């Protein structure tokens, strides 16, 4: 496990937040740092991410997810499918305490970590599920369902479409814009927008794919 130099990580995070023009309080920034410290600590035992260096984690995980926050400005009730270590779900929950964020994963060690983060950071807007998304049932459907590096877009919408509220949308965080995946979307789903993302300190391609049900 690499040493977690909080001050150095904080500098990179704060610079990135400024570049992304996000308005986060000092308390929110501290919670993001607390979350990253927990991710770094648990990763030594649970292998939550292949990224081992906290300085890389802040760019590849925190800033990568923060770059997508603006796309959720109208969202109230979000589901993060295949949440893993909590990306983008935990970052969304910390950045938008007014928004309900649910996270689902099939792997118990990952959801145990998510529940630990929820408890330690006192995130009242977070719900964690341990099961397949195909088997999840909820009383209130989600206005946005998101995922990051989870699955093929067709599988993503097929497996979780029953949980999307009428008029809601999927927002998938992807690396390169996968044209063949987007073209294979099953009816009634269709891509409504493809948005490139600029992640501070990261040269790699990042895109958001917006998907809605086609209205007759």
N, C-alpha and C. Protein backbone atom coordinates (compact mmCIF):
# COMPACT_ATOMS: atom_id res chain seq x y z
N UNK A 1 0.85 -1.20 0.00
CA UNK A 1 0.00 0.00 0.00
C UNK A 1 0.88 1.24 0.00
N UNK A 2 0.62 2.12 -0.95
CA UNK A 2 1.38 3.37 -1.04
C UNK A 2 0.98 4.30 0.11
N UNK A 3 1.93 5.08 0.56
CA UNK A 3 1.65 6.05 1.64
C UNK A 3 0.66 7.09 1.13
N UNK A 4 -0.34 7.36 1.96
CA UNK A 4 -1.36 8.35 1.60
C UNK A 4 -0.94 9.71 2.13
N UNK A 5 -0.37 10.51 1.24
CA UNK A 5 0.06 11.87 1.61
C UNK A 5 -1.12 12.81 1.40
N UNK A 6 -1.86 13.05 2.48
CA UNK A 6 -3.12 13.79 2.37
C UNK A 6 -2.94 15.19 1.78
N UNK A 7 -1.90 15.88 2.19
CA UNK A 7 -1.70 17.24 1.70
C UNK A 7 -1.43 17.28 0.19
N UNK A 8 -0.60 16.35 -0.27
CA UNK A 8 -0.27 16.30 -1.69
C UNK A 8 -1.51 15.93 -2.51
N UNK A 9 -2.25 14.94 -2.02
CA UNK A 9 -3.48 14.51 -2.70
C UNK A 9 -4.49 15.65 -2.71
N UNK A 10 -4.59 16.36 -1.57
CA UNK A 10 -5.54 17.48 -1.46
C UNK A 10 -5.24 18.57 -2.48
N UNK A 11 -3.97 18.84 -2.71
CA UNK A 11 -3.58 19.87 -3.68
C UNK A 11 -4.07 19.51 -5.08
N UNK A 12 -3.84 18.25 -5.47
CA UNK A 12 -4.26 17.79 -6.80
C UNK A 12 -5.79 17.84 -6.91
N UNK A 13 -6.47 17.39 -5.86
CA UNK A 13 -7.93 17.37 -5.86
C UNK A 13 -8.50 18.79 -5.97
N UNK A 14 -7.98 19.70 -5.15
CA UNK A 14 -8.50 21.07 -5.15
C UNK A 14 -8.24 21.78 -6.48
N UNK A 15 -7.07 21.56 -7.05
CA UNK A 15 -6.77 22.15 -8.36
C UNK A 15 -7.74 21.62 -9.42
N UNK A 16 -8.01 20.31 -9.35
CA UNK A 16 -8.93 19.69 -10.31
C UNK A 16 -10.35 20.22 -10.15
N UNK A 17 -10.79 20.39 -8.91
CA UNK A 17 -12.14 20.92 -8.65
C UNK A 17 -12.27 22.33 -9.21
N UNK A 18 -11.20 23.13 -9.06
CA UNK A 18 -11.19 24.49 -9.61
C UNK A 18 -11.29 24.45 -11.13
N UNK A 19 -10.53 23.55 -11.76
CA UNK A 19 -10.56 23.44 -13.23
C UNK A 19 -11.94 22.99 -13.72
N UNK A 20 -12.59 22.14 -12.94
CA UNK A 20 -13.92 21.64 -13.32
C UNK A 20 -15.03 22.64 -13.00
N UNK A 21 -14.65 23.72 -12.31
CA UNK A 21 -15.59 24.79 -11.93
C UNK A 21 -16.74 24.25 -11.07
N UNK A 22 -16.38 23.35 -10.17
CA UNK A 22 -17.36 22.82 -9.23
C UNK A 22 -17.32 23.63 -7.93
N UNK A 23 -18.49 23.87 -7.38
CA UNK A 23 -18.55 24.58 -6.11
C UNK A 23 -18.77 23.58 -4.97
N UNK A 24 -17.66 23.17 -4.37
CA UNK A 24 -17.72 22.23 -3.25
C UNK A 24 -17.19 22.92 -2.00
N UNK A 25 -17.83 22.65 -0.88
CA UNK A 25 -17.39 23.25 0.38
C UNK A 25 -16.13 22.56 0.88
N UNK A 26 -15.47 23.18 1.83
CA UNK A 26 -14.28 22.58 2.45
C UNK A 26 -14.63 21.23 3.07
N UNK A 27 -15.82 21.16 3.67
CA UNK A 27 -16.26 19.90 4.29
C UNK A 27 -16.44 18.80 3.25
N UNK A 28 -16.95 19.15 2.08
CA UNK A 28 -17.12 18.16 1.01
C UNK A 28 -15.76 17.69 0.50
N UNK A 29 -14.82 18.62 0.35
CA UNK A 29 -13.47 18.25 -0.08
C UNK A 29 -12.83 17.30 0.93
N UNK A 30 -13.02 17.58 2.21
CA UNK A 30 -12.47 16.71 3.26
C UNK A 30 -13.09 15.32 3.20
N UNK A 31 -14.39 15.26 2.91
CA UNK A 31 -15.06 13.95 2.80
C UNK A 31 -14.54 13.17 1.59
N UNK A 32 -14.29 13.87 0.50
CA UNK A 32 -13.70 13.19 -0.67
C UNK A 32 -12.32 12.63 -0.32
N UNK A 33 -11.55 13.38 0.44
CA UNK A 33 -10.22 12.91 0.86
C UNK A 33 -10.35 11.73 1.84
N UNK A 34 -11.33 11.81 2.74
CA UNK A 34 -11.59 10.70 3.66
C UNK A 34 -11.97 9.44 2.90
N UNK A 35 -12.81 9.62 1.90
CA UNK A 35 -13.23 8.48 1.06
C UNK A 35 -12.03 7.86 0.35
N UNK A 36 -11.18 8.71 -0.21
CA UNK A 36 -10.01 8.19 -0.93
C UNK A 36 -9.05 7.48 0.03
N UNK A 37 -8.91 8.02 1.23
CA UNK A 37 -8.05 7.37 2.24
C UNK A 37 -8.59 5.98 2.60
N UNK A 38 -9.90 5.87 2.72
CA UNK A 38 -10.52 4.57 3.01
C UNK A 38 -10.34 3.60 1.84
N UNK A 39 -10.52 4.12 0.63
CA UNK A 39 -10.34 3.29 -0.57
C UNK A 39 -8.92 2.76 -0.64
N UNK A 40 -7.95 3.63 -0.35
CA UNK A 40 -6.54 3.24 -0.36
C UNK A 40 -6.26 2.18 0.71
N UNK A 41 -6.84 2.36 1.89
CA UNK A 41 -6.63 1.44 3.01
C UNK A 41 -7.25 0.07 2.74
N UNK A 42 -8.51 0.06 2.33
CA UNK A 42 -9.21 -1.21 2.08
C UNK A 42 -8.66 -1.92 0.85
N UNK A 43 -8.12 -1.15 -0.09
CA UNK A 43 -7.62 -1.74 -1.33
C UNK A 43 -6.47 -2.70 -1.08
N UNK A 44 -5.74 -2.46 -0.01
CA UNK A 44 -4.60 -3.33 0.32
C UNK A 44 -5.06 -4.76 0.60
N UNK A 45 -6.28 -4.91 1.09
CA UNK A 45 -6.80 -6.24 1.46
C UNK A 45 -7.85 -6.73 0.48
N UNK A 46 -8.71 -5.83 0.02
CA UNK A 46 -9.88 -6.23 -0.75
C UNK A 46 -9.75 -6.07 -2.26
N UNK A 47 -8.67 -5.47 -2.72
CA UNK A 47 -8.45 -5.29 -4.16
C UNK A 47 -9.65 -4.65 -4.85
N UNK A 48 -10.03 -3.47 -4.37
CA UNK A 48 -11.19 -2.75 -4.91
C UNK A 48 -10.88 -2.08 -6.24
N UNK A 49 -9.61 -1.76 -6.45
CA UNK A 49 -9.20 -1.12 -7.70
C UNK A 49 -7.76 -1.54 -8.01
N UNK A 50 -7.45 -1.60 -9.30
CA UNK A 50 -6.08 -1.98 -9.70
C UNK A 50 -5.12 -0.81 -9.52
N UNK A 51 -5.66 0.38 -9.32
CA UNK A 51 -4.82 1.57 -9.13
C UNK A 51 -4.33 1.58 -7.67
N UNK A 52 -3.02 1.62 -7.49
CA UNK A 52 -2.45 1.50 -6.14
C UNK A 52 -1.90 2.81 -5.57
N UNK A 53 -1.59 3.73 -6.45
CA UNK A 53 -0.97 4.99 -6.02
C UNK A 53 -2.05 6.04 -5.75
N UNK A 54 -2.13 6.56 -4.53
CA UNK A 54 -3.16 7.57 -4.21
C UNK A 54 -3.13 8.79 -5.13
N UNK A 55 -1.95 9.16 -5.60
CA UNK A 55 -1.86 10.31 -6.51
C UNK A 55 -2.50 9.99 -7.86
N UNK A 56 -2.44 8.73 -8.25
CA UNK A 56 -3.12 8.30 -9.48
C UNK A 56 -4.61 8.12 -9.21
N UNK A 57 -4.95 7.62 -8.01
CA UNK A 57 -6.36 7.44 -7.64
C UNK A 57 -7.13 8.75 -7.70
N UNK A 58 -6.50 9.82 -7.26
CA UNK A 58 -7.21 11.10 -7.22
C UNK A 58 -7.59 11.56 -8.63
N UNK A 59 -6.72 11.25 -9.61
CA UNK A 59 -7.02 11.63 -11.00
C UNK A 59 -7.96 10.62 -11.67
N UNK A 60 -7.59 9.34 -11.57
CA UNK A 60 -8.32 8.29 -12.29
C UNK A 60 -9.67 7.98 -11.67
N UNK A 61 -9.83 8.27 -10.38
CA UNK A 61 -11.09 7.94 -9.71
C UNK A 61 -11.89 9.18 -9.28
N UNK A 62 -11.30 10.01 -8.43
CA UNK A 62 -12.05 11.17 -7.91
C UNK A 62 -12.35 12.19 -9.01
N UNK A 63 -11.32 12.69 -9.67
CA UNK A 63 -11.53 13.73 -10.68
C UNK A 63 -12.28 13.17 -11.89
N UNK A 64 -12.04 11.92 -12.21
CA UNK A 64 -12.75 11.25 -13.30
C UNK A 64 -14.25 11.26 -13.04
N UNK A 65 -14.64 10.95 -11.79
CA UNK A 65 -16.05 10.95 -11.42
C UNK A 65 -16.59 12.37 -11.25
N UNK A 66 -15.77 13.25 -10.67
CA UNK A 66 -16.20 14.64 -10.48
C UNK A 66 -16.48 15.34 -11.82
N UNK A 67 -15.76 14.94 -12.86
CA UNK A 67 -15.96 15.53 -14.19
C UNK A 67 -17.38 15.28 -14.70
N UNK A 68 -18.04 14.25 -14.17
CA UNK A 68 -19.39 13.90 -14.62
C UNK A 68 -20.48 14.53 -13.76
N UNK A 69 -20.12 15.14 -12.63
CA UNK A 69 -21.12 15.62 -11.66
C UNK A 69 -22.12 16.59 -12.30
N UNK A 70 -21.66 17.49 -13.13
CA UNK A 70 -22.54 18.50 -13.73
C UNK A 70 -23.67 17.87 -14.54
N UNK A 71 -23.43 16.68 -15.09
CA UNK A 71 -24.45 16.00 -15.90
C UNK A 71 -25.64 15.54 -15.05
N UNK A 72 -25.44 15.48 -13.73
CA UNK A 72 -26.49 15.01 -12.82
C UNK A 72 -27.23 16.16 -12.14
N UNK A 73 -27.11 17.36 -12.69
CA UNK A 73 -27.63 18.55 -11.99
C UNK A 73 -29.14 18.49 -11.76
N UNK A 74 -29.88 17.81 -12.65
CA UNK A 74 -31.34 17.73 -12.49
C UNK A 74 -31.79 16.41 -11.85
N UNK A 75 -30.84 15.59 -11.45
CA UNK A 75 -31.18 14.27 -10.88
C UNK A 75 -31.53 14.39 -9.40
N UNK A 76 -32.46 13.56 -8.96
CA UNK A 76 -32.87 13.54 -7.55
C UNK A 76 -32.66 12.17 -6.90
N UNK A 77 -32.77 11.12 -7.73
CA UNK A 77 -32.72 9.75 -7.21
C UNK A 77 -31.93 8.90 -8.20
N UNK A 78 -30.69 8.57 -7.84
CA UNK A 78 -29.74 7.96 -8.78
C UNK A 78 -29.36 6.56 -8.33
N UNK A 79 -29.21 5.65 -9.30
CA UNK A 79 -28.69 4.31 -9.02
C UNK A 79 -27.37 4.14 -9.77
N UNK A 80 -26.33 3.71 -9.04
CA UNK A 80 -25.03 3.38 -9.64
C UNK A 80 -24.93 1.86 -9.71
N UNK A 81 -24.92 1.33 -10.94
CA UNK A 81 -24.92 -0.12 -11.16
C UNK A 81 -23.50 -0.64 -11.29
N UNK A 82 -23.20 -1.73 -10.60
CA UNK A 82 -21.84 -2.25 -10.59
C UNK A 82 -20.92 -1.26 -9.93
N UNK A 83 -21.35 -0.78 -8.75
CA UNK A 83 -20.70 0.36 -8.10
C UNK A 83 -19.26 0.10 -7.69
N UNK A 84 -18.89 -1.17 -7.48
CA UNK A 84 -17.51 -1.48 -7.12
C UNK A 84 -17.06 -0.75 -5.88
N UNK A 85 -16.02 0.06 -6.02
CA UNK A 85 -15.50 0.82 -4.88
C UNK A 85 -16.22 2.14 -4.65
N UNK A 86 -17.32 2.36 -5.41
CA UNK A 86 -18.12 3.56 -5.18
C UNK A 86 -17.93 4.67 -6.19
N UNK A 87 -17.58 4.29 -7.41
CA UNK A 87 -17.34 5.27 -8.46
C UNK A 87 -18.32 5.07 -9.61
N UNK A 88 -19.12 6.04 -9.94
CA UNK A 88 -19.09 7.41 -9.42
C UNK A 88 -19.98 7.65 -8.19
N UNK A 89 -20.68 6.60 -7.71
CA UNK A 89 -21.72 6.78 -6.70
C UNK A 89 -21.33 7.57 -5.47
N UNK A 90 -20.21 7.19 -4.83
CA UNK A 90 -19.80 7.89 -3.60
C UNK A 90 -19.43 9.34 -3.88
N UNK A 91 -18.79 9.55 -5.01
CA UNK A 91 -18.39 10.91 -5.38
C UNK A 91 -19.63 11.77 -5.63
N UNK A 92 -20.64 11.21 -6.27
CA UNK A 92 -21.90 11.92 -6.49
C UNK A 92 -22.58 12.23 -5.16
N UNK A 93 -22.60 11.24 -4.25
CA UNK A 93 -23.27 11.40 -2.97
C UNK A 93 -22.63 12.50 -2.12
N UNK A 94 -21.30 12.56 -2.17
CA UNK A 94 -20.58 13.59 -1.40
C UNK A 94 -20.77 14.97 -2.05
N UNK A 95 -20.74 15.00 -3.38
CA UNK A 95 -20.84 16.27 -4.11
C UNK A 95 -22.26 16.83 -4.10
N UNK A 96 -23.25 15.92 -4.01
CA UNK A 96 -24.65 16.34 -4.06
C UNK A 96 -25.43 15.74 -2.88
N UNK A 97 -25.24 16.28 -1.68
CA UNK A 97 -25.91 15.72 -0.51
C UNK A 97 -27.44 15.82 -0.58
N UNK A 98 -27.95 16.66 -1.49
CA UNK A 98 -29.41 16.79 -1.67
C UNK A 98 -29.98 15.68 -2.54
N UNK A 99 -29.13 14.87 -3.13
CA UNK A 99 -29.55 13.83 -4.07
C UNK A 99 -29.43 12.45 -3.42
N UNK A 100 -30.44 11.61 -3.62
CA UNK A 100 -30.37 10.23 -3.12
C UNK A 100 -29.52 9.41 -4.08
N UNK A 101 -28.57 8.67 -3.54
CA UNK A 101 -27.70 7.84 -4.37
C UNK A 101 -27.72 6.41 -3.84
N UNK A 102 -28.18 5.49 -4.69
CA UNK A 102 -28.15 4.07 -4.35
C UNK A 102 -27.03 3.42 -5.16
N UNK A 103 -26.36 2.45 -4.56
CA UNK A 103 -25.29 1.72 -5.24
C UNK A 103 -25.55 0.23 -5.12
N UNK A 104 -25.33 -0.49 -6.20
CA UNK A 104 -25.56 -1.92 -6.19
C UNK A 104 -24.36 -2.65 -6.78
N UNK A 105 -23.98 -3.75 -6.12
CA UNK A 105 -22.91 -4.62 -6.62
C UNK A 105 -23.19 -6.03 -6.12
N UNK A 106 -22.72 -7.01 -6.86
CA UNK A 106 -22.94 -8.41 -6.45
C UNK A 106 -21.87 -8.90 -5.48
N UNK A 107 -20.76 -8.17 -5.38
CA UNK A 107 -19.62 -8.63 -4.59
C UNK A 107 -19.70 -8.09 -3.16
N UNK A 108 -19.81 -9.01 -2.20
CA UNK A 108 -20.03 -8.63 -0.80
C UNK A 108 -18.91 -7.75 -0.24
N UNK A 109 -17.66 -8.04 -0.59
CA UNK A 109 -16.56 -7.25 -0.02
C UNK A 109 -16.63 -5.80 -0.51
N UNK A 110 -17.15 -5.61 -1.71
CA UNK A 110 -17.27 -4.25 -2.24
C UNK A 110 -18.41 -3.50 -1.55
N UNK A 111 -19.54 -4.17 -1.36
CA UNK A 111 -20.65 -3.49 -0.68
C UNK A 111 -20.36 -3.31 0.81
N UNK A 112 -19.56 -4.20 1.39
CA UNK A 112 -19.13 -4.01 2.79
C UNK A 112 -18.31 -2.73 2.90
N UNK A 113 -17.45 -2.52 1.92
CA UNK A 113 -16.65 -1.28 1.89
C UNK A 113 -17.56 -0.06 1.73
N UNK A 114 -18.52 -0.14 0.83
CA UNK A 114 -19.44 0.99 0.60
C UNK A 114 -20.22 1.32 1.87
N UNK A 115 -20.66 0.30 2.58
CA UNK A 115 -21.39 0.52 3.84
C UNK A 115 -20.49 1.14 4.91
N UNK A 116 -19.21 0.75 4.89
CA UNK A 116 -18.25 1.33 5.84
C UNK A 116 -18.05 2.82 5.55
N UNK A 117 -17.91 3.15 4.27
CA UNK A 117 -17.76 4.56 3.87
C UNK A 117 -19.01 5.35 4.28
N UNK A 118 -20.17 4.77 4.00
CA UNK A 118 -21.44 5.43 4.36
C UNK A 118 -21.47 5.75 5.87
N UNK A 119 -21.06 4.77 6.68
CA UNK A 119 -21.09 4.94 8.13
C UNK A 119 -20.05 5.96 8.60
N UNK A 120 -18.81 5.81 8.15
CA UNK A 120 -17.73 6.69 8.62
C UNK A 120 -17.90 8.13 8.17
N UNK A 121 -18.44 8.31 6.96
CA UNK A 121 -18.60 9.66 6.43
C UNK A 121 -20.00 10.23 6.71
N UNK A 122 -20.82 9.42 7.38
CA UNK A 122 -22.18 9.84 7.77
C UNK A 122 -22.96 10.35 6.57
N UNK A 123 -23.03 9.50 5.55
CA UNK A 123 -23.72 9.88 4.31
C UNK A 123 -25.17 9.39 4.37
N UNK A 124 -26.05 10.25 4.82
CA UNK A 124 -27.46 9.89 5.01
C UNK A 124 -28.19 9.67 3.69
N UNK A 125 -27.62 10.14 2.58
CA UNK A 125 -28.29 10.03 1.27
C UNK A 125 -27.88 8.79 0.49
N UNK A 126 -27.16 7.87 1.15
CA UNK A 126 -26.64 6.68 0.46
C UNK A 126 -27.39 5.41 0.87
N UNK A 127 -27.71 4.57 -0.12
CA UNK A 127 -28.27 3.23 0.11
C UNK A 127 -27.41 2.23 -0.67
N UNK A 128 -27.12 1.09 -0.05
CA UNK A 128 -26.26 0.08 -0.69
C UNK A 128 -27.03 -1.25 -0.80
N UNK A 129 -26.97 -1.86 -1.99
CA UNK A 129 -27.61 -3.17 -2.23
C UNK A 129 -26.54 -4.18 -2.64
N UNK A 130 -26.66 -5.41 -2.11
CA UNK A 130 -25.79 -6.50 -2.54
C UNK A 130 -26.63 -7.53 -3.29
N UNK A 131 -26.69 -7.41 -4.58
CA UNK A 131 -27.42 -8.38 -5.41
C UNK A 131 -27.24 -8.03 -6.88
N UNK A 132 -27.78 -8.89 -7.74
CA UNK A 132 -27.77 -8.58 -9.17
C UNK A 132 -28.80 -7.50 -9.45
N UNK A 133 -28.46 -6.58 -10.32
CA UNK A 133 -29.39 -5.48 -10.61
C UNK A 133 -30.67 -6.01 -11.24
N UNK A 134 -30.58 -7.14 -11.96
CA UNK A 134 -31.78 -7.73 -12.58
C UNK A 134 -32.81 -8.13 -11.52
N UNK A 135 -32.32 -8.41 -10.29
CA UNK A 135 -33.20 -8.91 -9.22
C UNK A 135 -33.66 -7.80 -8.27
N UNK A 136 -33.17 -6.59 -8.48
CA UNK A 136 -33.52 -5.49 -7.58
C UNK A 136 -34.94 -4.99 -7.86
N UNK A 137 -35.69 -4.78 -6.78
CA UNK A 137 -37.01 -4.16 -6.88
C UNK A 137 -37.05 -3.00 -5.90
N UNK A 138 -37.60 -1.88 -6.32
CA UNK A 138 -37.67 -0.70 -5.45
C UNK A 138 -39.06 -0.09 -5.52
N UNK A 139 -39.44 0.60 -4.44
CA UNK A 139 -40.76 1.27 -4.42
C UNK A 139 -40.75 2.50 -5.32
N UNK A 140 -39.66 3.26 -5.24
CA UNK A 140 -39.54 4.47 -6.06
C UNK A 140 -38.45 4.26 -7.10
N UNK A 141 -38.83 4.34 -8.38
CA UNK A 141 -37.85 4.13 -9.44
C UNK A 141 -36.91 5.32 -9.55
N UNK A 142 -35.82 5.13 -10.27
CA UNK A 142 -34.74 6.12 -10.34
C UNK A 142 -34.89 7.01 -11.56
N UNK A 143 -34.61 8.31 -11.38
CA UNK A 143 -34.68 9.20 -12.55
C UNK A 143 -33.39 9.16 -13.37
N UNK A 144 -32.30 8.71 -12.75
CA UNK A 144 -31.06 8.48 -13.50
C UNK A 144 -30.42 7.17 -13.01
N UNK A 145 -30.02 6.35 -13.96
CA UNK A 145 -29.23 5.15 -13.65
C UNK A 145 -27.88 5.31 -14.34
N UNK A 146 -26.82 5.13 -13.57
CA UNK A 146 -25.48 5.35 -14.10
C UNK A 146 -24.60 4.12 -13.90
N UNK A 147 -23.49 4.09 -14.59
CA UNK A 147 -22.47 3.06 -14.38
C UNK A 147 -21.15 3.58 -14.92
N UNK A 148 -20.09 3.01 -14.40
CA UNK A 148 -18.76 3.39 -14.86
C UNK A 148 -17.99 2.11 -15.14
N UNK A 149 -17.64 1.92 -16.41
CA UNK A 149 -16.87 0.72 -16.79
C UNK A 149 -17.53 -0.55 -16.28
N UNK A 150 -18.86 -0.63 -16.42
CA UNK A 150 -19.61 -1.75 -15.86
C UNK A 150 -19.83 -2.87 -16.88
N UNK A 151 -20.45 -2.56 -18.00
CA UNK A 151 -20.82 -3.61 -18.95
C UNK A 151 -21.09 -2.97 -20.30
N UNK A 152 -21.32 -3.84 -21.29
CA UNK A 152 -21.78 -3.40 -22.60
C UNK A 152 -23.07 -2.59 -22.41
N UNK A 153 -23.24 -1.53 -23.18
CA UNK A 153 -24.41 -0.66 -23.02
C UNK A 153 -25.73 -1.43 -23.14
N UNK A 154 -25.79 -2.40 -24.06
CA UNK A 154 -27.02 -3.19 -24.23
C UNK A 154 -27.35 -3.97 -22.96
N UNK A 155 -26.33 -4.59 -22.37
CA UNK A 155 -26.55 -5.33 -21.11
C UNK A 155 -26.96 -4.36 -20.00
N UNK A 156 -26.32 -3.22 -19.96
CA UNK A 156 -26.61 -2.21 -18.94
C UNK A 156 -28.08 -1.82 -18.95
N UNK A 157 -28.62 -1.49 -20.13
CA UNK A 157 -30.02 -1.06 -20.19
C UNK A 157 -30.99 -2.23 -20.05
N UNK A 158 -30.61 -3.41 -20.58
CA UNK A 158 -31.48 -4.58 -20.45
C UNK A 158 -31.62 -5.03 -19.00
N UNK A 159 -30.52 -5.02 -18.27
CA UNK A 159 -30.51 -5.51 -16.90
C UNK A 159 -31.17 -4.54 -15.91
N UNK A 160 -31.08 -3.25 -16.19
CA UNK A 160 -31.55 -2.28 -15.20
C UNK A 160 -32.71 -1.40 -15.68
N UNK A 161 -33.18 -1.61 -16.90
CA UNK A 161 -34.25 -0.78 -17.46
C UNK A 161 -35.53 -0.78 -16.65
N UNK A 162 -35.80 -1.90 -15.95
CA UNK A 162 -37.04 -2.00 -15.16
C UNK A 162 -37.03 -1.06 -13.95
N UNK A 163 -35.86 -0.51 -13.64
CA UNK A 163 -35.72 0.36 -12.46
C UNK A 163 -35.76 1.85 -12.81
N UNK A 164 -35.84 2.16 -14.09
CA UNK A 164 -35.81 3.56 -14.52
C UNK A 164 -37.22 4.14 -14.55
N UNK A 165 -37.39 5.28 -13.91
CA UNK A 165 -38.68 5.95 -13.89
C UNK A 165 -39.04 6.44 -15.30
N UNK A 166 -40.32 6.61 -15.53
CA UNK A 166 -40.77 7.11 -16.82
C UNK A 166 -40.16 8.49 -17.07
N UNK A 167 -39.58 8.67 -18.24
CA UNK A 167 -38.94 9.94 -18.57
C UNK A 167 -37.51 10.06 -18.05
N UNK A 168 -37.05 9.02 -17.34
CA UNK A 168 -35.69 9.02 -16.80
C UNK A 168 -34.66 8.71 -17.87
N UNK A 169 -33.38 8.74 -17.47
CA UNK A 169 -32.33 8.46 -18.45
C UNK A 169 -31.17 7.69 -17.83
N UNK A 170 -30.47 7.00 -18.69
CA UNK A 170 -29.20 6.37 -18.32
C UNK A 170 -28.08 7.35 -18.64
N UNK A 171 -27.07 7.39 -17.75
CA UNK A 171 -25.84 8.13 -18.04
C UNK A 171 -24.68 7.18 -17.79
N UNK A 172 -24.07 6.70 -18.87
CA UNK A 172 -22.97 5.74 -18.75
C UNK A 172 -21.64 6.47 -18.88
N UNK A 173 -20.72 6.21 -17.93
CA UNK A 173 -19.38 6.78 -17.99
C UNK A 173 -18.50 5.80 -18.75
N UNK A 174 -17.98 6.23 -19.87
CA UNK A 174 -17.18 5.38 -20.73
C UNK A 174 -15.83 6.03 -21.02
N UNK A 175 -14.87 5.22 -21.45
CA UNK A 175 -13.59 5.74 -21.88
C UNK A 175 -13.73 6.27 -23.29
N UNK A 176 -13.31 5.48 -24.26
CA UNK A 176 -13.52 5.86 -25.66
C UNK A 176 -15.01 5.74 -25.96
N UNK A 177 -15.47 6.50 -26.93
CA UNK A 177 -16.89 6.45 -27.30
C UNK A 177 -17.14 5.21 -28.15
N UNK A 178 -17.76 4.17 -27.61
CA UNK A 178 -17.87 2.89 -28.34
C UNK A 178 -19.01 2.91 -29.35
N UNK A 179 -18.71 3.26 -30.59
CA UNK A 179 -19.74 3.41 -31.63
C UNK A 179 -20.56 2.14 -31.81
N UNK A 180 -19.87 0.98 -31.86
CA UNK A 180 -20.60 -0.27 -32.12
C UNK A 180 -21.55 -0.60 -30.97
N UNK A 181 -21.13 -0.29 -29.74
CA UNK A 181 -22.02 -0.51 -28.58
C UNK A 181 -23.24 0.38 -28.66
N UNK A 182 -23.02 1.62 -29.00
CA UNK A 182 -24.12 2.59 -29.04
C UNK A 182 -25.11 2.24 -30.15
N UNK A 183 -24.61 1.70 -31.24
CA UNK A 183 -25.49 1.34 -32.36
C UNK A 183 -26.29 0.07 -32.09
N UNK A 184 -25.80 -0.74 -31.16
CA UNK A 184 -26.47 -2.02 -30.86
C UNK A 184 -27.55 -1.89 -29.79
N UNK A 185 -27.81 -0.70 -29.30
CA UNK A 185 -28.81 -0.54 -28.24
C UNK A 185 -30.16 -1.11 -28.66
N UNK A 186 -30.78 -1.93 -27.80
CA UNK A 186 -32.07 -2.53 -28.16
C UNK A 186 -33.22 -1.53 -28.01
N UNK A 187 -34.26 -1.70 -28.82
CA UNK A 187 -35.47 -0.87 -28.66
C UNK A 187 -36.06 -1.13 -27.28
N UNK A 188 -36.64 -0.12 -26.64
CA UNK A 188 -36.90 1.23 -27.14
C UNK A 188 -35.78 2.22 -26.83
N UNK A 189 -34.61 1.71 -26.42
CA UNK A 189 -33.54 2.61 -25.94
C UNK A 189 -32.77 3.22 -27.09
N UNK A 190 -32.44 4.49 -26.95
CA UNK A 190 -31.62 5.15 -27.96
C UNK A 190 -30.71 6.20 -27.31
N UNK A 191 -29.56 6.36 -27.91
CA UNK A 191 -28.62 7.37 -27.43
C UNK A 191 -29.16 8.75 -27.77
N UNK A 192 -29.19 9.62 -26.77
CA UNK A 192 -29.67 10.99 -27.01
C UNK A 192 -28.53 12.00 -27.08
N UNK A 193 -27.40 11.64 -26.46
CA UNK A 193 -26.25 12.57 -26.47
C UNK A 193 -24.97 11.83 -26.14
N UNK A 194 -23.91 12.26 -26.77
CA UNK A 194 -22.56 11.76 -26.45
C UNK A 194 -21.73 12.97 -26.06
N UNK A 195 -21.24 12.96 -24.82
CA UNK A 195 -20.53 14.15 -24.32
C UNK A 195 -19.10 13.80 -23.93
N UNK A 196 -18.10 14.38 -24.61
CA UNK A 196 -16.72 14.16 -24.18
C UNK A 196 -16.44 14.88 -22.87
N UNK A 197 -15.62 14.28 -22.03
CA UNK A 197 -15.26 14.86 -20.75
C UNK A 197 -13.78 15.19 -20.72
N UNK A 198 -13.46 16.32 -20.13
CA UNK A 198 -12.05 16.67 -19.90
C UNK A 198 -11.76 16.48 -18.42
N UNK A 199 -10.91 15.51 -18.12
CA UNK A 199 -10.56 15.23 -16.72
C UNK A 199 -9.21 15.86 -16.42
N UNK A 200 -9.14 16.78 -15.43
CA UNK A 200 -7.88 17.44 -15.11
C UNK A 200 -6.75 16.43 -14.84
N UNK A 201 -5.63 16.63 -15.51
CA UNK A 201 -4.46 15.78 -15.29
C UNK A 201 -4.50 14.46 -16.01
N UNK A 202 -5.55 14.23 -16.82
CA UNK A 202 -5.70 12.94 -17.49
C UNK A 202 -5.77 13.16 -19.00
N UNK A 203 -4.91 12.46 -19.72
CA UNK A 203 -4.88 12.60 -21.18
C UNK A 203 -5.88 11.67 -21.85
N UNK A 204 -6.26 10.60 -21.16
CA UNK A 204 -7.11 9.57 -21.77
C UNK A 204 -8.49 10.09 -22.13
N UNK A 205 -9.11 9.43 -23.12
CA UNK A 205 -10.45 9.80 -23.55
C UNK A 205 -11.49 9.42 -22.49
N UNK A 206 -12.46 10.28 -22.29
CA UNK A 206 -13.58 10.00 -21.41
C UNK A 206 -14.85 10.57 -22.04
N UNK A 207 -15.93 9.80 -21.95
CA UNK A 207 -17.20 10.24 -22.53
C UNK A 207 -18.36 9.87 -21.61
N UNK A 208 -19.42 10.65 -21.71
CA UNK A 208 -20.70 10.28 -21.12
C UNK A 208 -21.65 9.91 -22.27
N UNK A 209 -22.34 8.77 -22.10
CA UNK A 209 -23.35 8.36 -23.06
C UNK A 209 -24.72 8.50 -22.39
N UNK A 210 -25.57 9.34 -22.95
CA UNK A 210 -26.93 9.55 -22.42
C UNK A 210 -27.91 8.69 -23.24
N UNK A 211 -28.74 7.94 -22.54
CA UNK A 211 -29.67 7.02 -23.21
C UNK A 211 -31.06 7.19 -22.61
N UNK A 212 -32.05 7.29 -23.49
CA UNK A 212 -33.45 7.36 -23.06
C UNK A 212 -34.30 6.38 -23.87
N UNK A 213 -35.52 6.13 -23.37
CA UNK A 213 -36.46 5.32 -24.13
C UNK A 213 -37.07 6.19 -25.22
N UNK A 214 -37.15 5.64 -26.40
CA UNK A 214 -37.73 6.36 -27.52
C UNK A 214 -39.24 6.54 -27.27
N UNK A 215 -39.71 7.75 -27.39
CA UNK A 215 -41.14 7.99 -27.16
C UNK A 215 -41.88 7.95 -28.47
N UNK A 216 -43.05 7.34 -28.44
CA UNK A 216 -43.85 7.18 -29.67
C UNK A 216 -44.56 8.48 -29.98
